[in-house]
Amino acid sequence: MIIMIRYISLSILLFLNMTLAFGSGFQQQMQDPGTRLYEEKAVEILSEAGEKILGFNTLEMHFEYQADEDISFGEHEEMDAILFSKGEKYYMRIGLTHFISNGETVWTFLEEVNEVHISLAEMTEQAMTPAYFLKNFREEFQSRWIREENHYGRMVHIIDMVPVEPHAFYKYRLALDTESMDIAYTQAHDRQGNIIHYEISEFNTGGDIPDSLFEFDPADYPGIEVVDLR
């Protein structure tokens, strides 16, 4: 789970290279006029959502982490989770695993075994936070509007985002409320059939988050094992 969350980090929601066959198939679809319209619609929706979310300095999100780690065997895992982000800084807790970054250093704290892994932010995959998706979707993803659907009583846009370059997951799915443009859920799919699903229950922007939340001091945890990867 640690490896997947490092990619998502959702971030931090998160996360296999795309094959040439898949890429070729996607480019062939791009020639279809109807497909082009769905791509343009996706860009329009993501731009609107991005303008709203990126206009706030901070983000607080409560969500449920769900992982179907091998759907062929029906393995399923669920945990409550929370994410705070402020610019390039973030704190995310999924179960007893904590992901903390001050924008330069990343700490992955395994509370259950009292162990922390330390790495440089520039050495890790980009965190798959909502702000990351909405800020970089034009350059890093082929986006396509799929449909509108009813999700627990509210209508949402379903948008698929396929990385242009090889990525941890071959596809991300984003569900945005059709009225508020708030994120309802996100998913990450890999080629082994694994799906990571983040069901958002609370989404707040613009709150006051102290910078101390984005720092981790191993000295505060007696007996902690430190794995320094810097």
C-alpha atoms as a PDB file:
ATOM      1  CA  MET A   1       0.000   0.000   0.000  1.00  0.00           C
ATOM      2  CA  ILE A   2       2.881   2.379   0.758  1.00  0.00           C
ATOM      3  CA  ILE A   3       4.137   2.257  -2.832  1.00  0.00           C
ATOM      4  CA  MET A   4       0.699   2.946  -4.281  1.00  0.00           C
ATOM      5  CA  ILE A   5      -0.024   5.829  -1.907  1.00  0.00           C
ATOM      6  CA  ARG A   6       3.336   7.441  -2.645  1.00  0.00           C
ATOM      7  CA  TYR A   7       2.141   7.846  -6.231  1.00  0.00           C
ATOM      8  CA  ILE A   8      -1.360   8.963  -5.347  1.00  0.00           C
ATOM      9  CA  SER A   9      -0.658  10.889  -2.205  1.00  0.00           C
ATOM     10  CA  LEU A  10      -4.536  11.410  -2.411  1.00  0.00           C
ATOM     11  CA  SER A  11      -2.312  11.900  -2.845  1.00  0.00           C
ATOM     12  CA  ILE A  12      -0.153  11.210  -1.629  1.00  0.00           C
ATOM     13  CA  LEU A  13      -5.312   9.324  -3.628  1.00  0.00           C
ATOM     14  CA  LEU A  14      -1.721   7.488  -5.310  1.00  0.00           C
ATOM     15  CA  PHE A  15      -0.554   4.741  -7.529  1.00  0.00           C
ATOM     16  CA  LEU A  16       2.999   0.783 -14.497  1.00  0.00           C
ATOM     17  CA  ASN A  17       3.677   1.937 -17.641  1.00  0.00           C
ATOM     18  CA  MET A  18       1.157   2.412 -20.475  1.00  0.00           C
ATOM     19  CA  THR A  19       1.705  -0.004 -23.324  1.00  0.00           C
ATOM     20  CA  LEU A  20       2.245   1.113 -26.913  1.00  0.00           C
ATOM     21  CA  ALA A  21      -0.891  -0.715 -27.951  1.00  0.00           C
ATOM     22  CA  PHE A  22      -3.014   1.260 -25.525  1.00  0.00           C
ATOM     23  CA  GLY A  23      -1.443   4.534 -26.606  1.00  0.00           C
ATOM     24  CA  SER A  24      -1.995   3.758 -30.266  1.00  0.00           C
ATOM     25  CA  GLY A  25      -5.617   2.860 -29.676  1.00  0.00           C
ATOM     26  CA  PHE A  26      -6.190   6.123 -27.869  1.00  0.00           C
ATOM     27  CA  GLN A  27      -4.652   8.153 -30.668  1.00  0.00           C
ATOM     28  CA  GLN A  28      -6.876   6.411 -33.201  1.00  0.00           C
ATOM     29  CA  GLN A  29      -9.906   7.426 -31.177  1.00  0.00           C
ATOM     30  CA  MET A  30      -8.650  10.998 -31.267  1.00  0.00           C
ATOM     31  CA  GLN A  31      -9.424  11.111 -34.980  1.00  0.00           C
ATOM     32  CA  ASP A  32     -13.138  10.602 -34.338  1.00  0.00           C
ATOM     33  CA  PRO A  33     -15.048  13.954 -34.359  1.00  0.00           C
ATOM     34  CA  GLY A  34     -17.380  12.762 -31.599  1.00  0.00           C
ATOM     35  CA  THR A  35     -14.418  11.857 -29.426  1.00  0.00           C
ATOM     36  CA  ARG A  36     -12.921  15.287 -30.040  1.00  0.00           C
ATOM     37  CA  LEU A  37     -16.087  16.907 -28.695  1.00  0.00           C
ATOM     38  CA  TYR A  38     -15.888  14.819 -25.515  1.00  0.00           C
ATOM     39  CA  GLU A  39     -12.268  15.858 -25.054  1.00  0.00           C
ATOM     40  CA  GLU A  40     -13.142  19.524 -25.483  1.00  0.00           C
ATOM     41  CA  LYS A  41     -15.968  19.147 -22.961  1.00  0.00           C
ATOM     42  CA  ALA A  42     -13.562  17.554 -20.477  1.00  0.00           C
ATOM     43  CA  VAL A  43     -11.125  20.457 -20.851  1.00  0.00           C
ATOM     44  CA  GLU A  44     -13.918  22.966 -20.324  1.00  0.00           C
ATOM     45  CA  ILE A  45     -15.151  21.236 -17.137  1.00  0.00           C
ATOM     46  CA  LEU A  46     -11.678  20.683 -15.705  1.00  0.00           C
ATOM     47  CA  SER A  47     -10.747  24.289 -16.397  1.00  0.00           C
ATOM     48  CA  GLU A  48     -13.787  25.514 -14.496  1.00  0.00           C
ATOM     49  CA  ALA A  49     -13.161  23.177 -11.567  1.00  0.00           C
ATOM     50  CA  GLY A  50      -9.468  24.031 -11.530  1.00  0.00           C
ATOM     51  CA  GLU A  51     -10.098  27.769 -11.517  1.00  0.00           C
ATOM     52  CA  LYS A  52     -12.331  27.347  -8.478  1.00  0.00           C
ATOM     53  CA  ILE A  53     -10.117  25.000  -6.436  1.00  0.00           C
ATOM     54  CA  LEU A  54      -6.794  26.600  -7.307  1.00  0.00           C
ATOM     55  CA  GLY A  55      -8.202  29.942  -6.256  1.00  0.00           C
ATOM     56  CA  PHE A  56      -7.971  28.774  -2.644  1.00  0.00           C
ATOM     57  CA  ASN A  57      -4.706  28.512  -0.760  1.00  0.00           C
ATOM     58  CA  THR A  58      -5.711  25.501   1.336  1.00  0.00           C
ATOM     59  CA  LEU A  59      -7.727  22.321   0.959  1.00  0.00           C
ATOM     60  CA  GLU A  60      -9.189  19.916   3.518  1.00  0.00           C
ATOM     61  CA  MET A  61     -10.693  16.651   2.356  1.00  0.00           C
ATOM     62  CA  HIS A  62     -12.212  13.760   4.281  1.00  0.00           C
ATOM     63  CA  PHE A  63     -12.626  10.576   2.305  1.00  0.00           C
ATOM     64  CA  GLU A  64     -12.772   6.794   2.352  1.00  0.00           C
ATOM     65  CA  TYR A  65      -9.864   4.934   0.817  1.00  0.00           C
ATOM     66  CA  GLN A  66     -10.992   1.764  -0.975  1.00  0.00           C
ATOM     67  CA  ALA A  67      -8.543  -0.599  -2.666  1.00  0.00           C
ATOM     68  CA  ASP A  68      -9.475  -3.576  -4.819  1.00  0.00           C
ATOM     69  CA  GLU A  69      -5.903  -4.825  -5.004  1.00  0.00           C
ATOM     70  CA  ASP A  70      -6.674  -7.772  -7.264  1.00  0.00           C
ATOM     71  CA  ILE A  71     -10.231  -7.894  -8.518  1.00  0.00           C
ATOM     72  CA  SER A  72      -9.726 -11.405  -9.904  1.00  0.00           C
ATOM     73  CA  PHE A  73      -9.412 -12.641  -6.319  1.00  0.00           C
ATOM     74  CA  GLY A  74     -11.896 -10.188  -4.869  1.00  0.00           C
ATOM     75  CA  GLU A  75      -9.499  -8.661  -2.329  1.00  0.00           C
ATOM     76  CA  HIS A  76     -10.916  -5.432  -0.919  1.00  0.00           C
ATOM     77  CA  GLU A  77      -9.698  -2.942   1.690  1.00  0.00           C
ATOM     78  CA  GLU A  78     -11.375   0.129   3.166  1.00  0.00           C
ATOM     79  CA  MET A  79      -9.999   2.814   5.493  1.00  0.00           C
ATOM     80  CA  ASP A  80     -11.028   6.275   6.599  1.00  0.00           C
ATOM     81  CA  ALA A  81      -8.653   9.001   5.456  1.00  0.00           C
ATOM     82  CA  ILE A  82      -8.051  12.732   5.548  1.00  0.00           C
ATOM     83  CA  LEU A  83      -5.995  15.133   3.436  1.00  0.00           C
ATOM     84  CA  PHE A  84      -4.798  18.680   4.123  1.00  0.00           C
ATOM     85  CA  SER A  85      -2.858  20.584   1.475  1.00  0.00           C
ATOM     86  CA  LYS A  86      -1.404  24.077   1.254  1.00  0.00           C
ATOM     87  CA  GLY A  87       0.427  24.926  -1.939  1.00  0.00           C
ATOM     88  CA  GLU A  88       3.067  22.225  -2.415  1.00  0.00           C
ATOM     89  CA  LYS A  89       2.711  21.064   1.189  1.00  0.00           C
ATOM     90  CA  TYR A  90       0.434  18.234   2.280  1.00  0.00           C
ATOM     91  CA  TYR A  91      -0.514  15.917   5.104  1.00  0.00           C
ATOM     92  CA  MET A  92      -2.493  12.762   4.432  1.00  0.00           C
ATOM     93  CA  ARG A  93      -3.490   9.970   6.767  1.00  0.00           C
ATOM     94  CA  ILE A  94      -4.880   6.669   5.522  1.00  0.00           C
ATOM     95  CA  GLY A  95      -5.603   4.350   8.402  1.00  0.00           C
ATOM     96  CA  LEU A  96      -2.406   4.289  10.490  1.00  0.00           C
ATOM     97  CA  THR A  97      -0.144   5.486   7.665  1.00  0.00           C
ATOM     98  CA  HIS A  98       0.767   9.182   7.487  1.00  0.00           C
ATOM     99  CA  PHE A  99       2.213  11.071   4.518  1.00  0.00           C
ATOM    100  CA  ILE A 100       3.729  14.458   5.327  1.00  0.00           C
ATOM    101  CA  SER A 101       5.524  16.912   3.047  1.00  0.00           C
ATOM    102  CA  ASN A 102       6.725  20.473   3.521  1.00  0.00           C
ATOM    103  CA  GLY A 103       7.328  20.766  -0.217  1.00  0.00           C
ATOM    104  CA  GLU A 104      10.963  19.710   0.042  1.00  0.00           C
ATOM    105  CA  THR A 105      10.996  16.596   2.258  1.00  0.00           C
ATOM    106  CA  VAL A 106       8.501  13.736   2.332  1.00  0.00           C
ATOM    107  CA  TRP A 107       7.975  11.652   5.457  1.00  0.00           C
ATOM    108  CA  THR A 108       5.999   8.386   5.324  1.00  0.00           C
ATOM    109  CA  PHE A 109       5.215   7.462   8.928  1.00  0.00           C
ATOM    110  CA  LEU A 110       4.042   3.913   9.627  1.00  0.00           C
ATOM    111  CA  GLU A 111       2.403   4.391  12.992  1.00  0.00           C
ATOM    112  CA  GLU A 112       1.622   0.716  13.538  1.00  0.00           C
ATOM    113  CA  VAL A 113       5.321  -0.290  13.463  1.00  0.00           C
ATOM    114  CA  ASN A 114       6.794   3.074  14.564  1.00  0.00           C
ATOM    115  CA  GLU A 115       8.851   3.532  11.395  1.00  0.00           C
ATOM    116  CA  VAL A 116       9.377   6.533   9.107  1.00  0.00           C
ATOM    117  CA  HIS A 117      10.755   6.682   5.559  1.00  0.00           C
ATOM    118  CA  ILE A 118      12.293  10.024   4.550  1.00  0.00           C
ATOM    119  CA  SER A 119      12.839  11.131   0.947  1.00  0.00           C
ATOM    120  CA  LEU A 120      13.162  14.315  -1.085  1.00  0.00           C
ATOM    121  CA  ALA A 121       9.994  15.579  -2.721  1.00  0.00           C
ATOM    122  CA  GLU A 122      11.805  15.955  -6.044  1.00  0.00           C
ATOM    123  CA  MET A 123      12.718  12.239  -5.953  1.00  0.00           C
ATOM    124  CA  THR A 124       9.137  11.035  -5.575  1.00  0.00           C
ATOM    125  CA  GLU A 125       6.307  10.776  -8.052  1.00  0.00           C
ATOM    126  CA  GLN A 126       4.040  13.788  -8.158  1.00  0.00           C
ATOM    127  CA  ALA A 127       1.376  13.565  -5.500  1.00  0.00           C
ATOM    128  CA  MET A 128      -2.009  12.892  -6.980  1.00  0.00           C
ATOM    129  CA  THR A 129      -3.847  15.601  -5.137  1.00  0.00           C
ATOM    130  CA  PRO A 130      -6.924  17.248  -6.689  1.00  0.00           C
ATOM    131  CA  ALA A 131      -4.890  20.415  -7.199  1.00  0.00           C
ATOM    132  CA  TYR A 132      -2.222  18.413  -9.058  1.00  0.00           C
ATOM    133  CA  PHE A 133      -4.815  16.938 -11.449  1.00  0.00           C
ATOM    134  CA  LEU A 134      -6.532  20.243 -12.106  1.00  0.00           C
ATOM    135  CA  LYS A 135      -3.328  22.251 -12.469  1.00  0.00           C
ATOM    136  CA  ASN A 136      -1.490  19.884 -14.817  1.00  0.00           C
ATOM    137  CA  PHE A 137      -4.201  18.094 -16.784  1.00  0.00           C
ATOM    138  CA  ARG A 138      -3.523  19.898 -20.088  1.00  0.00           C
ATOM    139  CA  GLU A 139       0.154  18.994 -20.227  1.00  0.00           C
ATOM    140  CA  GLU A 140       0.196  15.588 -18.577  1.00  0.00           C
ATOM    141  CA  PHE A 141      -3.121  13.916 -19.417  1.00  0.00           C
ATOM    142  CA  GLN A 142      -5.430  13.135 -22.312  1.00  0.00           C
ATOM    143  CA  SER A 143      -8.794  14.013 -20.770  1.00  0.00           C
ATOM    144  CA  ARG A 144     -12.182  12.806 -21.983  1.00  0.00           C
ATOM    145  CA  TRP A 145     -15.709  13.443 -20.721  1.00  0.00           C
ATOM    146  CA  ILE A 146     -17.504  10.085 -20.413  1.00  0.00           C
ATOM    147  CA  ARG A 147     -21.022  10.821 -19.152  1.00  0.00           C
ATOM    148  CA  GLU A 148     -23.155  12.300 -16.412  1.00  0.00           C
ATOM    149  CA  GLU A 149     -24.377   9.939 -13.714  1.00  0.00           C
ATOM    150  CA  ASN A 150     -26.290   9.985 -10.445  1.00  0.00           C
ATOM    151  CA  HIS A 151     -23.923   9.500  -7.526  1.00  0.00           C
ATOM    152  CA  TYR A 152     -25.696   9.171  -4.183  1.00  0.00           C
ATOM    153  CA  GLY A 153     -28.407  11.615  -5.158  1.00  0.00           C
ATOM    154  CA  ARG A 154     -26.351  14.211  -7.021  1.00  0.00           C
ATOM    155  CA  MET A 155     -25.359  14.439 -10.658  1.00  0.00           C
ATOM    156  CA  VAL A 156     -21.663  14.260 -11.467  1.00  0.00           C
ATOM    157  CA  HIS A 157     -19.488  14.571 -14.566  1.00  0.00           C
ATOM    158  CA  ILE A 158     -17.342  11.476 -15.178  1.00  0.00           C
ATOM    159  CA  ILE A 159     -13.991  12.337 -16.747  1.00  0.00           C
ATOM    160  CA  ASP A 160     -11.194   9.914 -17.591  1.00  0.00           C
ATOM    161  CA  MET A 161      -7.602  11.147 -17.552  1.00  0.00           C
ATOM    162  CA  VAL A 162      -4.931   9.064 -19.312  1.00  0.00           C
ATOM    163  CA  PRO A 163      -1.287  10.037 -18.664  1.00  0.00           C
ATOM    164  CA  VAL A 164       0.615  11.152 -21.761  1.00  0.00           C
ATOM    165  CA  GLU A 165       3.881   9.755 -20.372  1.00  0.00           C
ATOM    166  CA  PRO A 166       4.391   6.399 -18.588  1.00  0.00           C
ATOM    167  CA  HIS A 167       2.802   6.652 -15.179  1.00  0.00           C
ATOM    168  CA  ALA A 168       2.055   4.568 -12.115  1.00  0.00           C
ATOM    169  CA  PHE A 169      -1.524   4.021 -13.294  1.00  0.00           C
ATOM    170  CA  TYR A 170      -2.791   3.878 -16.864  1.00  0.00           C
ATOM    171  CA  LYS A 171      -6.028   5.752 -16.105  1.00  0.00           C
ATOM    172  CA  TYR A 172      -7.478   8.086 -13.522  1.00  0.00           C
ATOM    173  CA  ARG A 173     -11.216   8.730 -13.237  1.00  0.00           C
ATOM    174  CA  LEU A 174     -12.509  11.960 -11.749  1.00  0.00           C
ATOM    175  CA  ALA A 175     -16.129  12.645 -10.723  1.00  0.00           C
ATOM    176  CA  LEU A 176     -17.110  16.318 -10.388  1.00  0.00           C
ATOM    177  CA  ASP A 177     -20.427  17.664  -9.130  1.00  0.00           C
ATOM    178  CA  THR A 178     -22.238  19.187 -12.133  1.00  0.00           C
ATOM    179  CA  GLU A 179     -23.332  22.243 -10.122  1.00  0.00           C
ATOM    180  CA  SER A 180     -20.643  22.965  -7.537  1.00  0.00           C
ATOM    181  CA  MET A 181     -17.699  21.384  -9.414  1.00  0.00           C
ATOM    182  CA  ASP A 182     -16.621  19.823  -6.114  1.00  0.00           C
ATOM    183  CA  ILE A 183     -14.872  16.463  -6.389  1.00  0.00           C
ATOM    184  CA  ALA A 184     -17.147  13.534  -5.523  1.00  0.00           C
ATOM    185  CA  TYR A 185     -14.641  10.736  -6.006  1.00  0.00           C
ATOM    186  CA  THR A 186     -11.444   9.779  -7.798  1.00  0.00           C
ATOM    187  CA  GLN A 187     -10.139   6.408  -8.997  1.00  0.00           C
ATOM    188  CA  ALA A 188      -6.772   5.098 -10.146  1.00  0.00           C
ATOM    189  CA  HIS A 189      -6.613   1.981 -12.393  1.00  0.00           C
ATOM    190  CA  ASP A 190      -3.583  -0.160 -13.144  1.00  0.00           C
ATOM    191  CA  ARG A 191      -3.101  -2.923 -15.702  1.00  0.00           C
ATOM    192  CA  GLN A 192      -3.188  -5.695 -13.122  1.00  0.00           C
ATOM    193  CA  GLY A 193      -6.834  -4.943 -12.383  1.00  0.00           C
ATOM    194  CA  ASN A 194      -6.114  -2.990  -9.199  1.00  0.00           C
ATOM    195  CA  ILE A 195      -8.380  -0.027  -8.488  1.00  0.00           C
ATOM    196  CA  ILE A 196      -7.859   2.603  -5.813  1.00  0.00           C
ATOM    197  CA  HIS A 197     -11.026   4.551  -5.065  1.00  0.00           C
ATOM    198  CA  TYR A 198     -11.335   7.723  -2.999  1.00  0.00           C
ATOM    199  CA  GLU A 199     -14.899   8.499  -1.960  1.00  0.00           C
ATOM    200  CA  ILE A 200     -14.974  12.102  -0.733  1.00  0.00           C
ATOM    201  CA  SER A 201     -17.357  12.819   2.129  1.00  0.00           C
ATOM    202  CA  GLU A 202     -16.230  16.349   3.028  1.00  0.00           C
ATOM    203  CA  PHE A 203     -14.490  18.932   0.856  1.00  0.00           C
ATOM    204  CA  ASN A 204     -13.445  22.306   2.274  1.00  0.00           C
ATOM    205  CA  THR A 205     -11.275  25.068   0.814  1.00  0.00           C
ATOM    206  CA  GLY A 206      -9.746  28.249   2.131  1.00  0.00           C
ATOM    207  CA  GLY A 207      -9.463  27.248   5.795  1.00  0.00           C
ATOM    208  CA  ASP A 208      -6.606  28.088   8.138  1.00  0.00           C
ATOM    209  CA  ILE A 209      -4.090  25.209   8.277  1.00  0.00           C
ATOM    210  CA  PRO A 210      -0.926  25.628  10.407  1.00  0.00           C
ATOM    211  CA  ASP A 211       2.406  24.975   8.690  1.00  0.00           C
ATOM    212  CA  SER A 212       3.406  22.716  11.598  1.00  0.00           C
ATOM    213  CA  LEU A 213       1.055  20.062  10.199  1.00  0.00           C
ATOM    214  CA  PHE A 214       3.432  19.626   7.247  1.00  0.00           C
ATOM    215  CA  GLU A 215       6.518  18.838   9.327  1.00  0.00           C
ATOM    216  CA  PHE A 216       7.560  15.582  11.020  1.00  0.00           C
ATOM    217  CA  ASP A 217      10.186  15.234  13.753  1.00  0.00           C
ATOM    218  CA  PRO A 218      11.275  11.631  14.470  1.00  0.00           C
ATOM    219  CA  ALA A 219      12.525  12.793  17.880  1.00  0.00           C
ATOM    220  CA  ASP A 220       8.903  13.072  18.975  1.00  0.00           C
ATOM    221  CA  TYR A 221       8.549   9.275  18.650  1.00  0.00           C
ATOM    222  CA  PRO A 222      10.852   7.372  21.035  1.00  0.00           C
ATOM    223  CA  GLY A 223      12.329   4.189  19.544  1.00  0.00           C
ATOM    224  CA  ILE A 224      11.229   5.056  15.992  1.00  0.00           C
ATOM    225  CA  GLU A 225      13.136   3.373  13.143  1.00  0.00           C
ATOM    226  CA  VAL A 226      14.272   5.914  10.561  1.00  0.00           C
ATOM    227  CA  VAL A 227      14.857   4.873   6.930  1.00  0.00           C
ATOM    228  CA  ASP A 228      16.522   7.857   5.268  1.00  0.00           C
ATOM    229  CA  LEU A 229      16.356   7.592   1.463  1.00  0.00           C
ATOM    230  CA  ARG A 230      17.707  11.065   0.677  1.00  0.00           C
END
